[in-house]
C-alpha atoms as a PDB file:
ATOM      1  CA  MET A   1     -27.577 -15.278  -5.032  1.00  0.00           C
ATOM      2  CA  LYS A   2     -23.607 -14.087  -4.518  1.00  0.00           C
ATOM      3  CA  PRO A   3     -21.016 -14.519  -7.163  1.00  0.00           C
ATOM      4  CA  ARG A   4     -18.124 -16.799  -6.558  1.00  0.00           C
ATOM      5  CA  LEU A   5     -14.943 -15.220  -5.812  1.00  0.00           C
ATOM      6  CA  VAL A   6     -12.424 -17.583  -6.456  1.00  0.00           C
ATOM      7  CA  PHE A   7      -8.461 -16.834  -5.392  1.00  0.00           C
ATOM      8  CA  VAL A   8      -5.803 -18.991  -6.823  1.00  0.00           C
ATOM      9  CA  HIS A   9      -2.532 -18.610  -5.018  1.00  0.00           C
ATOM     10  CA  GLY A  10       1.324 -19.007  -6.777  1.00  0.00           C
ATOM     11  CA  ILE A  11       4.239 -20.750  -5.061  1.00  0.00           C
ATOM     12  CA  GLY A  12       5.361 -20.502  -1.254  1.00  0.00           C
ATOM     13  CA  GLY A  13       5.624 -22.635   1.672  1.00  0.00           C
ATOM     14  CA  PRO A  14       2.713 -23.622   3.922  1.00  0.00           C
ATOM     15  CA  ARG A  15      -0.183 -21.451   4.092  1.00  0.00           C
ATOM     16  CA  ASP A  16      -2.912 -20.286   6.332  1.00  0.00           C
ATOM     17  CA  ALA A  17      -5.627 -20.217   3.606  1.00  0.00           C
ATOM     18  CA  ALA A  18      -8.189 -18.296   5.907  1.00  0.00           C
ATOM     19  CA  ALA A  19      -5.516 -15.588   6.960  1.00  0.00           C
ATOM     20  CA  ASP A  20      -4.553 -15.388   2.773  1.00  0.00           C
ATOM     21  CA  LEU A  21      -7.953 -15.207   2.066  1.00  0.00           C
ATOM     22  CA  ASP A  22      -8.341 -12.259   4.678  1.00  0.00           C
ATOM     23  CA  GLU A  23      -5.381 -10.529   3.565  1.00  0.00           C
ATOM     24  CA  TRP A  24      -6.287 -10.771  -0.397  1.00  0.00           C
ATOM     25  CA  LEU A  25      -9.770  -9.591   0.658  1.00  0.00           C
ATOM     26  CA  ARG A  26      -8.505  -6.544   2.554  1.00  0.00           C
ATOM     27  CA  ALA A  27      -6.063  -5.565  -0.229  1.00  0.00           C
ATOM     28  CA  VAL A  28      -8.925  -5.524  -2.764  1.00  0.00           C
ATOM     29  CA  ALA A  29     -11.063  -3.414  -0.213  1.00  0.00           C
ATOM     30  CA  ALA A  30      -7.800  -0.750  -0.192  1.00  0.00           C
ATOM     31  CA  GLY A  31      -7.461  -0.850  -4.084  1.00  0.00           C
ATOM     32  CA  ALA A  32     -11.377  -0.309  -3.945  1.00  0.00           C
ATOM     33  CA  ARG A  33     -11.455   2.516  -1.750  1.00  0.00           C
ATOM     34  CA  ASP A  34      -8.708   4.385  -4.033  1.00  0.00           C
ATOM     35  CA  SER A  35     -11.155   3.735  -7.450  1.00  0.00           C
ATOM     36  CA  GLY A  36     -13.640   5.353  -6.061  1.00  0.00           C
ATOM     37  CA  HIS A  37     -15.839   2.176  -5.128  1.00  0.00           C
ATOM     38  CA  GLY A  38     -15.466   2.848  -1.084  1.00  0.00           C
ATOM     39  CA  ALA A  39     -19.115   2.075  -0.753  1.00  0.00           C
ATOM     40  CA  HIS A  40     -18.533  -1.651  -1.706  1.00  0.00           C
ATOM     41  CA  VAL A  41     -15.824  -2.256   1.245  1.00  0.00           C
ATOM     42  CA  SER A  42     -17.556  -3.443   3.933  1.00  0.00           C
ATOM     43  CA  ALA A  43     -19.862  -5.472   1.749  1.00  0.00           C
ATOM     44  CA  LEU A  44     -16.440  -7.134   0.429  1.00  0.00           C
ATOM     45  CA  THR A  45     -14.874  -7.455   3.860  1.00  0.00           C
ATOM     46  CA  GLY A  46     -17.945  -8.771   5.470  1.00  0.00           C
ATOM     47  CA  GLY A  47     -18.702 -11.706   2.824  1.00  0.00           C
ATOM     48  CA  ARG A  48     -21.853  -9.779   1.522  1.00  0.00           C
ATOM     49  CA  ALA A  49     -20.459  -9.045  -1.946  1.00  0.00           C
ATOM     50  CA  ALA A  50     -19.068 -12.382  -2.702  1.00  0.00           C
ATOM     51  CA  ASP A  51     -18.619 -16.011  -1.609  1.00  0.00           C
ATOM     52  CA  ALA A  52     -14.988 -15.947  -1.543  1.00  0.00           C
ATOM     53  CA  ARG A  53     -12.881 -19.001  -1.478  1.00  0.00           C
ATOM     54  CA  PHE A  54      -9.078 -19.499  -1.526  1.00  0.00           C
ATOM     55  CA  ALA A  55      -8.027 -22.380  -3.678  1.00  0.00           C
ATOM     56  CA  TYR A  56      -5.347 -23.946  -1.810  1.00  0.00           C
ATOM     57  CA  TYR A  57      -2.963 -26.413  -2.773  1.00  0.00           C
ATOM     58  CA  GLY A  58       0.373 -25.792  -1.358  1.00  0.00           C
ATOM     59  CA  ASP A  59       0.294 -28.759   1.128  1.00  0.00           C
ATOM     60  CA  LEU A  60       0.285 -31.016  -2.051  1.00  0.00           C
ATOM     61  CA  PHE A  61       4.163 -30.459  -2.849  1.00  0.00           C
ATOM     62  CA  ARG A  62       4.712 -31.813   0.189  1.00  0.00           C
ATOM     63  CA  THR A  63       2.994 -35.327  -0.026  1.00  0.00           C
ATOM     64  CA  ALA A  64       4.506 -38.219   0.703  1.00  0.00           C
ATOM     65  CA  GLY A  65       6.624 -39.788  -2.037  1.00  0.00           C
ATOM     66  CA  ALA A  66       6.357 -36.179  -4.049  1.00  0.00           C
ATOM     67  CA  GLN A  67       9.977 -34.810  -5.405  1.00  0.00           C
ATOM     68  CA  GLY A  68      10.880 -31.801  -3.313  1.00  0.00           C
ATOM     69  CA  GLY A  69      12.799 -28.572  -4.725  1.00  0.00           C
ATOM     70  CA  PRO A  70      16.699 -27.626  -4.824  1.00  0.00           C
ATOM     71  CA  ALA A  71      16.205 -26.818  -1.249  1.00  0.00           C
ATOM     72  CA  GLY A  72      16.096 -30.494  -0.084  1.00  0.00           C
ATOM     73  CA  GLY A  73      13.281 -31.070   2.293  1.00  0.00           C
ATOM     74  CA  PRO A  74      11.152 -34.395   2.046  1.00  0.00           C
ATOM     75  CA  ALA A  75      12.766 -35.594  -1.173  1.00  0.00           C
ATOM     76  CA  THR A  76      15.446 -34.267  -3.837  1.00  0.00           C
ATOM     77  CA  ALA A  77      14.267 -32.746  -7.155  1.00  0.00           C
ATOM     78  CA  GLY A  78      15.259 -34.567 -10.438  1.00  0.00           C
ATOM     79  CA  ASP A  79      17.674 -32.976 -12.698  1.00  0.00           C
ATOM     80  CA  GLN A  80      14.882 -32.410 -15.250  1.00  0.00           C
ATOM     81  CA  ASP A  81      13.095 -30.099 -12.697  1.00  0.00           C
ATOM     82  CA  ASP A  82      16.330 -28.368 -11.781  1.00  0.00           C
ATOM     83  CA  GLU A  83      17.014 -27.826 -15.687  1.00  0.00           C
ATOM     84  CA  LEU A  84      13.559 -26.164 -16.370  1.00  0.00           C
ATOM     85  CA  LEU A  85      13.854 -24.063 -13.288  1.00  0.00           C
ATOM     86  CA  ALA A  86      17.104 -22.932 -14.717  1.00  0.00           C
ATOM     87  CA  ALA A  87      15.666 -22.045 -18.330  1.00  0.00           C
ATOM     88  CA  LEU A  88      12.898 -20.487 -16.574  1.00  0.00           C
ATOM     89  CA  LEU A  89      15.197 -17.785 -14.462  1.00  0.00           C
ATOM     90  CA  LEU A  90      17.491 -17.519 -17.441  1.00  0.00           C
ATOM     91  CA  GLU A  91      14.896 -16.216 -19.341  1.00  0.00           C
ATOM     92  CA  ALA A  92      13.416 -14.015 -16.635  1.00  0.00           C
ATOM     93  CA  VAL A  93      16.897 -12.617 -15.886  1.00  0.00           C
ATOM     94  CA  ASP A  94      17.657 -11.886 -19.779  1.00  0.00           C
ATOM     95  CA  ALA A  95      14.223 -10.258 -20.151  1.00  0.00           C
ATOM     96  CA  ARG A  96      15.008  -8.036 -16.841  1.00  0.00           C
ATOM     97  CA  LEU A  97      18.614  -7.006 -18.342  1.00  0.00           C
ATOM     98  CA  ALA A  98      16.873  -6.084 -21.678  1.00  0.00           C
ATOM     99  CA  ASP A  99      14.620  -3.187 -19.620  1.00  0.00           C
ATOM    100  CA  PRO A 100      16.389  -0.057 -20.139  1.00  0.00           C
ATOM    101  CA  GLU A 101      14.686   1.046 -16.946  1.00  0.00           C
ATOM    102  CA  VAL A 102      16.752  -1.628 -14.995  1.00  0.00           C
ATOM    103  CA  SER A 103      18.471   0.143 -12.124  1.00  0.00           C
ATOM    104  CA  ALA A 104      22.235   0.419 -11.539  1.00  0.00           C
ATOM    105  CA  ALA A 105      21.947  -1.316  -8.106  1.00  0.00           C
ATOM    106  CA  GLU A 106      20.203  -4.289  -9.470  1.00  0.00           C
ATOM    107  CA  ALA A 107      22.081  -4.670 -12.909  1.00  0.00           C
ATOM    108  CA  PRO A 108      25.244  -6.471 -11.751  1.00  0.00           C
ATOM    109  CA  ALA A 109      23.252  -8.961  -9.555  1.00  0.00           C
ATOM    110  CA  LEU A 110      21.305  -9.680 -12.522  1.00  0.00           C
ATOM    111  CA  ARG A 111      24.612 -10.339 -14.668  1.00  0.00           C
ATOM    112  CA  HIS A 112      26.102 -12.339 -11.742  1.00  0.00           C
ATOM    113  CA  ALA A 113      23.105 -14.481 -11.883  1.00  0.00           C
ATOM    114  CA  ARG A 114      23.381 -15.277 -15.361  1.00  0.00           C
ATOM    115  CA  THR A 115      26.688 -16.197 -15.382  1.00  0.00           C
ATOM    116  CA  ARG A 116      25.803 -19.028 -12.800  1.00  0.00           C
ATOM    117  CA  LEU A 117      23.009 -20.129 -14.765  1.00  0.00           C
ATOM    118  CA  GLU A 118      25.109 -20.434 -18.003  1.00  0.00           C
ATOM    119  CA  PRO A 119      27.976 -22.636 -16.117  1.00  0.00           C
ATOM    120  CA  PRO A 120      31.306 -23.319 -18.218  1.00  0.00           C
ATOM    121  CA  ALA A 121      31.378 -26.366 -20.492  1.00  0.00           C
ATOM    122  CA  GLY A 122      31.615 -29.394 -19.204  1.00  0.00           C
ATOM    123  CA  ALA A 123      30.046 -28.590 -15.798  1.00  0.00           C
ATOM    124  CA  GLN A 124      27.838 -31.704 -15.266  1.00  0.00           C
ATOM    125  CA  GLY A 125      27.037 -34.480 -13.097  1.00  0.00           C
ATOM    126  CA  ALA A 126      24.452 -34.970 -10.599  1.00  0.00           C
ATOM    127  CA  GLY A 127      23.145 -32.262  -8.750  1.00  0.00           C
ATOM    128  CA  ALA A 128      24.720 -29.583 -11.402  1.00  0.00           C
ATOM    129  CA  PRO A 129      21.454 -28.150 -12.425  1.00  0.00           C
ATOM    130  CA  ALA A 130      20.194 -27.439  -8.762  1.00  0.00           C
ATOM    131  CA  ARG A 131      23.737 -25.721  -7.615  1.00  0.00           C
ATOM    132  CA  ARG A 132      23.357 -23.442 -10.958  1.00  0.00           C
ATOM    133  CA  VAL A 133      19.719 -22.821  -9.732  1.00  0.00           C
ATOM    134  CA  VAL A 134      20.973 -21.949  -5.984  1.00  0.00           C
ATOM    135  CA  GLY A 135      24.123 -20.122  -7.104  1.00  0.00           C
ATOM    136  CA  ALA A 136      21.694 -17.859  -9.412  1.00  0.00           C
ATOM    137  CA  VAL A 137      19.345 -17.501  -6.621  1.00  0.00           C
ATOM    138  CA  THR A 138      22.103 -16.243  -4.170  1.00  0.00           C
ATOM    139  CA  SER A 139      22.878 -13.616  -6.637  1.00  0.00           C
ATOM    140  CA  LEU A 140      19.778 -12.190  -7.144  1.00  0.00           C
ATOM    141  CA  LEU A 141      19.118 -11.913  -3.211  1.00  0.00           C
ATOM    142  CA  ALA A 142      21.849  -9.490  -3.340  1.00  0.00           C
ATOM    143  CA  VAL A 143      19.793  -6.993  -5.128  1.00  0.00           C
ATOM    144  CA  PRO A 144      19.364  -4.147  -2.375  1.00  0.00           C
ATOM    145  CA  GLY A 145      16.382  -4.723  -0.107  1.00  0.00           C
ATOM    146  CA  LEU A 146      15.154  -8.120  -2.265  1.00  0.00           C
ATOM    147  CA  ARG A 147      15.801 -10.598   0.624  1.00  0.00           C
ATOM    148  CA  THR A 148      14.324  -8.907   3.336  1.00  0.00           C
ATOM    149  CA  ALA A 149      10.749  -7.594   1.076  1.00  0.00           C
ATOM    150  CA  GLY A 150      10.286 -10.904  -0.571  1.00  0.00           C
ATOM    151  CA  GLY A 151      10.354 -12.658   2.711  1.00  0.00           C
ATOM    152  CA  TRP A 152      13.178 -15.145   1.659  1.00  0.00           C
ATOM    153  CA  LEU A 153      15.395 -16.792   4.385  1.00  0.00           C
ATOM    154  CA  SER A 154      17.931 -18.585   1.980  1.00  0.00           C
ATOM    155  CA  ALA A 155      18.754 -19.008  -1.497  1.00  0.00           C
ATOM    156  CA  ARG A 156      18.200 -22.833  -0.675  1.00  0.00           C
ATOM    157  CA  ALA A 157      14.744 -22.316   0.228  1.00  0.00           C
ATOM    158  CA  THR A 158      13.906 -19.728  -1.998  1.00  0.00           C
ATOM    159  CA  ALA A 159      15.090 -21.920  -4.956  1.00  0.00           C
ATOM    160  CA  GLY A 160      12.956 -24.866  -3.209  1.00  0.00           C
ATOM    161  CA  MET A 161       9.945 -22.745  -3.510  1.00  0.00           C
ATOM    162  CA  LEU A 162      10.737 -21.566  -7.234  1.00  0.00           C
ATOM    163  CA  GLY A 163      10.916 -25.282  -8.322  1.00  0.00           C
ATOM    164  CA  GLN A 164       7.338 -25.716  -7.677  1.00  0.00           C
ATOM    165  CA  VAL A 165       6.746 -24.246 -10.910  1.00  0.00           C
ATOM    166  CA  ALA A 166       8.926 -26.589 -12.724  1.00  0.00           C
ATOM    167  CA  ARG A 167       7.519 -29.949 -10.722  1.00  0.00           C
ATOM    168  CA  TYR A 168       3.868 -28.489 -11.957  1.00  0.00           C
ATOM    169  CA  LEU A 169       4.621 -28.205 -15.484  1.00  0.00           C
ATOM    170  CA  ASN A 170       6.811 -31.442 -15.604  1.00  0.00           C
ATOM    171  CA  ARG A 171       3.670 -33.009 -14.611  1.00  0.00           C
ATOM    172  CA  ALA A 172       5.878 -36.452 -13.729  1.00  0.00           C
ATOM    173  CA  GLU A 173       5.063 -36.948 -10.110  1.00  0.00           C
ATOM    174  CA  SER A 174       2.199 -39.269  -9.160  1.00  0.00           C
ATOM    175  CA  ASP A 175       0.724 -40.403  -5.903  1.00  0.00           C
ATOM    176  CA  GLY A 176      -1.196 -43.576  -7.284  1.00  0.00           C
ATOM    177  CA  THR A 177      -4.124 -41.529  -8.169  1.00  0.00           C
ATOM    178  CA  GLY A 178      -3.022 -38.794 -10.167  1.00  0.00           C
ATOM    179  CA  THR A 179      -0.150 -36.752 -10.937  1.00  0.00           C
ATOM    180  CA  LEU A 180       0.447 -33.236  -8.930  1.00  0.00           C
ATOM    181  CA  ASP A 181      -0.602 -31.565 -11.816  1.00  0.00           C
ATOM    182  CA  GLN A 182      -3.867 -33.066 -12.013  1.00  0.00           C
ATOM    183  CA  ARG A 183      -4.367 -32.711  -8.019  1.00  0.00           C
ATOM    184  CA  ILE A 184      -3.899 -28.876  -7.945  1.00  0.00           C
ATOM    185  CA  ARG A 185      -5.914 -28.681 -10.638  1.00  0.00           C
ATOM    186  CA  ALA A 186      -9.007 -30.685  -8.868  1.00  0.00           C
ATOM    187  CA  ARG A 187      -8.366 -28.293  -5.722  1.00  0.00           C
ATOM    188  CA  VAL A 188      -9.116 -25.465  -7.629  1.00  0.00           C
ATOM    189  CA  ALA A 189     -12.113 -26.998  -9.434  1.00  0.00           C
ATOM    190  CA  GLU A 190     -13.871 -27.811  -6.223  1.00  0.00           C
ATOM    191  CA  SER A 191     -13.669 -24.386  -5.318  1.00  0.00           C
ATOM    192  CA  LEU A 192     -15.281 -23.059  -8.555  1.00  0.00           C
ATOM    193  CA  ASP A 193     -19.499 -22.708  -8.537  1.00  0.00           C
ATOM    194  CA  PRO A 194     -20.640 -24.969 -11.739  1.00  0.00           C
ATOM    195  CA  ASP A 195     -23.846 -23.078 -11.601  1.00  0.00           C
ATOM    196  CA  GLY A 196     -23.275 -19.416 -10.690  1.00  0.00           C
ATOM    197  CA  PRO A 197     -20.908 -16.853 -11.827  1.00  0.00           C
ATOM    198  CA  ASN A 198     -17.241 -17.165 -10.748  1.00  0.00           C
ATOM    199  CA  ILE A 199     -14.881 -14.295 -10.661  1.00  0.00           C
ATOM    200  CA  VAL A 200     -11.555 -15.789 -10.805  1.00  0.00           C
ATOM    201  CA  VAL A 201      -8.392 -14.196  -9.458  1.00  0.00           C
ATOM    202  CA  ALA A 202      -5.119 -15.964  -9.750  1.00  0.00           C
ATOM    203  CA  HIS A 203      -1.461 -15.012  -8.995  1.00  0.00           C
ATOM    204  CA  SER A 204       1.959 -16.340 -10.401  1.00  0.00           C
ATOM    205  CA  LEU A 205       2.101 -19.686 -10.901  1.00  0.00           C
ATOM    206  CA  GLY A 206      -1.914 -19.990  -9.988  1.00  0.00           C
ATOM    207  CA  THR A 207      -2.666 -18.351 -13.375  1.00  0.00           C
ATOM    208  CA  VAL A 208      -1.331 -21.081 -15.185  1.00  0.00           C
ATOM    209  CA  VAL A 209      -3.145 -23.910 -12.833  1.00  0.00           C
ATOM    210  CA  ALA A 210      -6.236 -21.544 -13.313  1.00  0.00           C
ATOM    211  CA  LEU A 211      -6.064 -21.212 -17.071  1.00  0.00           C
ATOM    212  CA  GLU A 212      -5.499 -24.715 -17.505  1.00  0.00           C
ATOM    213  CA  THR A 213      -8.416 -25.900 -14.762  1.00  0.00           C
ATOM    214  CA  LEU A 214     -11.000 -23.420 -16.494  1.00  0.00           C
ATOM    215  CA  HIS A 215     -10.394 -25.412 -19.767  1.00  0.00           C
ATOM    216  CA  GLU A 216     -11.138 -28.567 -17.915  1.00  0.00           C
ATOM    217  CA  HIS A 217     -13.801 -27.310 -15.974  1.00  0.00           C
ATOM    218  CA  PRO A 218     -16.220 -25.296 -17.606  1.00  0.00           C
ATOM    219  CA  ALA A 219     -17.848 -22.685 -15.198  1.00  0.00           C
ATOM    220  CA  ASP A 220     -19.294 -19.218 -15.954  1.00  0.00           C
ATOM    221  CA  VAL A 221     -16.565 -16.945 -15.229  1.00  0.00           C
ATOM    222  CA  PRO A 222     -17.351 -13.378 -16.709  1.00  0.00           C
ATOM    223  CA  LEU A 223     -14.360 -11.967 -15.068  1.00  0.00           C
ATOM    224  CA  PHE A 224     -10.844 -13.847 -15.099  1.00  0.00           C
ATOM    225  CA  VAL A 225      -8.073 -11.645 -13.512  1.00  0.00           C
ATOM    226  CA  THR A 226      -4.205 -13.123 -13.508  1.00  0.00           C
ATOM    227  CA  LEU A 227      -1.642 -11.294 -11.582  1.00  0.00           C
ATOM    228  CA  GLY A 228       2.256 -11.487 -12.127  1.00  0.00           C
ATOM    229  CA  SER A 229       1.828 -13.948 -14.652  1.00  0.00           C
ATOM    230  CA  PRO A 230       4.611 -16.365 -15.995  1.00  0.00           C
ATOM    231  CA  LEU A 231       2.581 -17.313 -19.047  1.00  0.00           C
ATOM    232  CA  GLY A 232       4.702 -15.820 -21.282  1.00  0.00           C
ATOM    233  CA  ILE A 233       8.172 -17.169 -20.462  1.00  0.00           C
ATOM    234  CA  ARG A 234       8.405 -18.473 -24.299  1.00  0.00           C
ATOM    235  CA  THR A 235      11.098 -21.302 -23.515  1.00  0.00           C
ATOM    236  CA  ALA A 236      10.361 -22.484 -19.774  1.00  0.00           C
ATOM    237  CA  VAL A 237       6.599 -22.184 -19.383  1.00  0.00           C
ATOM    238  CA  HIS A 238       4.576 -21.231 -22.181  1.00  0.00           C
ATOM    239  CA  PRO A 239       5.160 -24.281 -24.617  1.00  0.00           C
ATOM    240  CA  ARG A 240       4.383 -26.430 -21.821  1.00  0.00           C
ATOM    241  CA  VAL A 241       0.589 -25.081 -20.991  1.00  0.00           C
ATOM    242  CA  ARG A 242      -1.955 -27.450 -21.707  1.00  0.00           C
ATOM    243  CA  PRO A 243      -4.028 -27.315 -24.182  1.00  0.00           C
ATOM    244  CA  HIS A 244      -1.405 -25.920 -26.479  1.00  0.00           C
ATOM    245  CA  PRO A 245      -1.938 -23.728 -28.408  1.00  0.00           C
ATOM    246  CA  VAL A 246      -2.634 -21.744 -25.625  1.00  0.00           C
ATOM    247  CA  GLY A 247      -6.402 -19.983 -25.634  1.00  0.00           C
ATOM    248  CA  THR A 248      -8.915 -18.209 -23.788  1.00  0.00           C
ATOM    249  CA  PRO A 249     -10.918 -20.763 -21.930  1.00  0.00           C
ATOM    250  CA  ALA A 250     -14.729 -20.941 -23.711  1.00  0.00           C
ATOM    251  CA  SER A 251     -16.296 -20.061 -20.708  1.00  0.00           C
ATOM    252  CA  VAL A 252     -14.474 -16.557 -19.997  1.00  0.00           C
ATOM    253  CA  GLY A 253     -16.039 -13.358 -20.850  1.00  0.00           C
ATOM    254  CA  ARG A 254     -13.431 -11.294 -19.955  1.00  0.00           C
ATOM    255  CA  TRP A 255      -9.722 -11.415 -18.892  1.00  0.00           C
ATOM    256  CA  LEU A 256      -7.534  -8.965 -17.391  1.00  0.00           C
ATOM    257  CA  ASN A 257      -4.067  -9.407 -16.884  1.00  0.00           C
ATOM    258  CA  PHE A 258      -1.920  -6.716 -14.756  1.00  0.00           C
ATOM    259  CA  TRP A 259       1.859  -6.879 -14.900  1.00  0.00           C
ATOM    260  CA  ASP A 260       4.401  -4.736 -12.802  1.00  0.00           C
ATOM    261  CA  ARG A 261       7.651  -3.721 -14.902  1.00  0.00           C
ATOM    262  CA  ASP A 262       9.810  -4.616 -11.498  1.00  0.00           C
ATOM    263  CA  ASP A 263       7.982  -8.111 -11.511  1.00  0.00           C
ATOM    264  CA  ILE A 264      10.859 -10.468 -12.756  1.00  0.00           C
ATOM    265  CA  VAL A 265       7.937 -13.060 -12.739  1.00  0.00           C
ATOM    266  CA  ALA A 266       6.302 -11.683 -15.488  1.00  0.00           C
ATOM    267  CA  ALA A 267       8.633 -11.553 -18.199  1.00  0.00           C
ATOM    268  CA  ARG A 268       7.010 -11.306 -21.700  1.00  0.00           C
ATOM    269  CA  PRO A 269       3.570  -9.712 -20.138  1.00  0.00           C
ATOM    270  CA  LEU A 270       1.448  -9.068 -23.015  1.00  0.00           C
ATOM    271  CA  LEU A 271      -0.423 -11.959 -23.286  1.00  0.00           C
ATOM    272  CA  GLU A 272      -2.467 -11.052 -25.792  1.00  0.00           C
ATOM    273  CA  ASP A 273       0.394 -11.246 -28.058  1.00  0.00           C
ATOM    274  CA  PHE A 274       0.117 -15.296 -27.908  1.00  0.00           C
ATOM    275  CA  VAL A 275      -3.204 -16.242 -26.194  1.00  0.00           C
ATOM    276  CA  ARG A 276      -5.839 -17.457 -29.136  1.00  0.00           C
ATOM    277  CA  PRO A 277      -9.224 -15.990 -28.544  1.00  0.00           C
ATOM    278  CA  ASN A 278     -12.023 -18.100 -27.811  1.00  0.00           C
ATOM    279  CA  ALA A 279     -15.418 -18.318 -29.700  1.00  0.00           C
ATOM    280  CA  GLY A 280     -16.725 -14.916 -28.139  1.00  0.00           C
ATOM    281  CA  SER A 281     -12.990 -13.213 -29.491  1.00  0.00           C
ATOM    282  CA  VAL A 282     -11.868 -12.916 -25.920  1.00  0.00           C
ATOM    283  CA  VAL A 283      -8.393 -12.238 -25.391  1.00  0.00           C
ATOM    284  CA  PRO A 284      -6.201 -11.259 -22.605  1.00  0.00           C
ATOM    285  CA  CYS A 285      -6.040  -7.348 -21.814  1.00  0.00           C
ATOM    286  CA  SER A 286      -2.729  -6.421 -20.346  1.00  0.00           C
ATOM    287  CA  ARG A 287      -2.141  -3.443 -18.253  1.00  0.00           C
ATOM    288  CA  ARG A 288       0.744  -2.328 -16.260  1.00  0.00           C
ATOM    289  CA  VAL A 289       0.592  -1.368 -12.822  1.00  0.00           C
ATOM    290  CA  ASP A 290       3.278   0.382 -10.508  1.00  0.00           C
ATOM    291  CA  SER A 291       3.983  -0.884  -6.740  1.00  0.00           C
ATOM    292  CA  ASP A 292       6.083   0.463  -4.272  1.00  0.00           C
ATOM    293  CA  GLY A 293       9.315  -1.578  -3.141  1.00  0.00           C
ATOM    294  CA  ALA A 294      12.270  -3.643  -4.003  1.00  0.00           C
ATOM    295  CA  TRP A 295       9.564  -6.854  -4.299  1.00  0.00           C
ATOM    296  CA  VAL A 296       6.600  -6.282  -6.111  1.00  0.00           C
ATOM    297  CA  HIS A 297       5.544  -9.890  -6.904  1.00  0.00           C
ATOM    298  CA  PRO A 298       3.062 -10.265  -3.822  1.00  0.00           C
ATOM    299  CA  ALA A 299      -0.694 -10.861  -5.077  1.00  0.00           C
ATOM    300  CA  ALA A 300      -1.647  -8.294  -2.438  1.00  0.00           C
ATOM    301  CA  LYS A 301       0.482  -5.489  -3.857  1.00  0.00           C
ATOM    302  CA  TYR A 302      -1.223  -6.111  -7.172  1.00  0.00           C
ATOM    303  CA  LEU A 303      -4.736  -6.502  -5.758  1.00  0.00           C
ATOM    304  CA  ALA A 304      -4.560  -3.457  -3.798  1.00  0.00           C
ATOM    305  CA  GLN A 305      -3.726  -1.494  -7.157  1.00  0.00           C
ATOM    306  CA  PRO A 306      -7.015   0.701  -7.866  1.00  0.00           C
ATOM    307  CA  ALA A 307      -6.805  -0.579 -11.785  1.00  0.00           C
ATOM    308  CA  VAL A 308      -7.139  -4.418 -10.254  1.00  0.00           C
ATOM    309  CA  ALA A 309      -9.720  -3.868  -7.590  1.00  0.00           C
ATOM    310  CA  GLY A 310     -12.129  -1.574  -9.545  1.00  0.00           C
ATOM    311  CA  PRO A 311     -12.855  -3.864 -12.315  1.00  0.00           C
ATOM    312  CA  LEU A 312     -13.278  -6.551  -9.852  1.00  0.00           C
ATOM    313  CA  VAL A 313     -15.591  -4.957  -7.628  1.00  0.00           C
ATOM    314  CA  GLU A 314     -17.410  -3.957 -10.572  1.00  0.00           C
ATOM    315  CA  ALA A 315     -17.905  -7.386 -11.459  1.00  0.00           C
ATOM    316  CA  LEU A 316     -19.099  -8.712  -8.426  1.00  0.00           C
ATOM    317  CA  THR A 317     -21.356  -5.775  -8.409  1.00  0.00           C
ATOM    318  CA  THR A 318     -22.618  -6.568 -11.744  1.00  0.00           C
ATOM    319  CA  HIS A 319     -23.257 -10.046 -11.103  1.00  0.00           C
ATOM    320  CA  ALA A 320     -24.865 -10.019  -7.658  1.00  0.00           C
ATOM    321  CA  GLY A 321     -28.174 -11.550  -7.270  1.00  0.00           C
ATOM    322  CA  ARG A 322     -28.035 -13.313 -11.102  1.00  0.00           C
END
């Protein structure tokens, strides 16, 4: 019996889930080689090491009647979503500016973005929060290399994708069968094996989704890995995570949290400082990794790190056949 390996993605546009699964597995394989686990690479990429699943939910952000992000699209986002996104960006920018290692090339763009997120008094009216967000993202995309490395074509499109975080956390969109966040968690739950061991690897917004899903759908999870998580953003994300206070799901046997110093999304990255332990005394163990390039947030960059891939392959090997 093979363990189930479940990947949970973050924000973004439409995806080819099969292609993303292949990319994430190849990234783990690269990291496995560099961590001294090269003997397991062919089994991993060939599907023999794990029953790998990519829990795709991105299409739910584009369902009929759902609110869109500030970029427009099928519908227009409400001010509530835009205000939450503005608060999230403001905290992330402040955390980055407080880093003594922030580069001289990046700091001016961050300061300009902060100014745009806090407009002069009286700047109200319909659409004002959305304009603040798009203006701030425009400034952030001025960071050298970020626009190209991040794969973003415009500030409005980027703001629309970032708005997915607010849409999930505001839990306000319903299609008559359930709210958007409920339907997203149901997708992830479908990928879990209720009987066998699950190794769950979640990225970005997916770390919030996976955490909440594991609280609702107990399954044997000997290893939970979070990458570039926004769970620690104290004003815009952390207070909205359910259940609250935030704790380790009962079924999780080990939680590894990885963050990159240059990942603006992973503000307040030491999750063990505020996540409560489960009955097994499990709390996140946060580890810093360092990737090359101007845009270090992509899941594949994290997965290719030996520090990430090594424990992941070890867990798969340990639980194979159980």
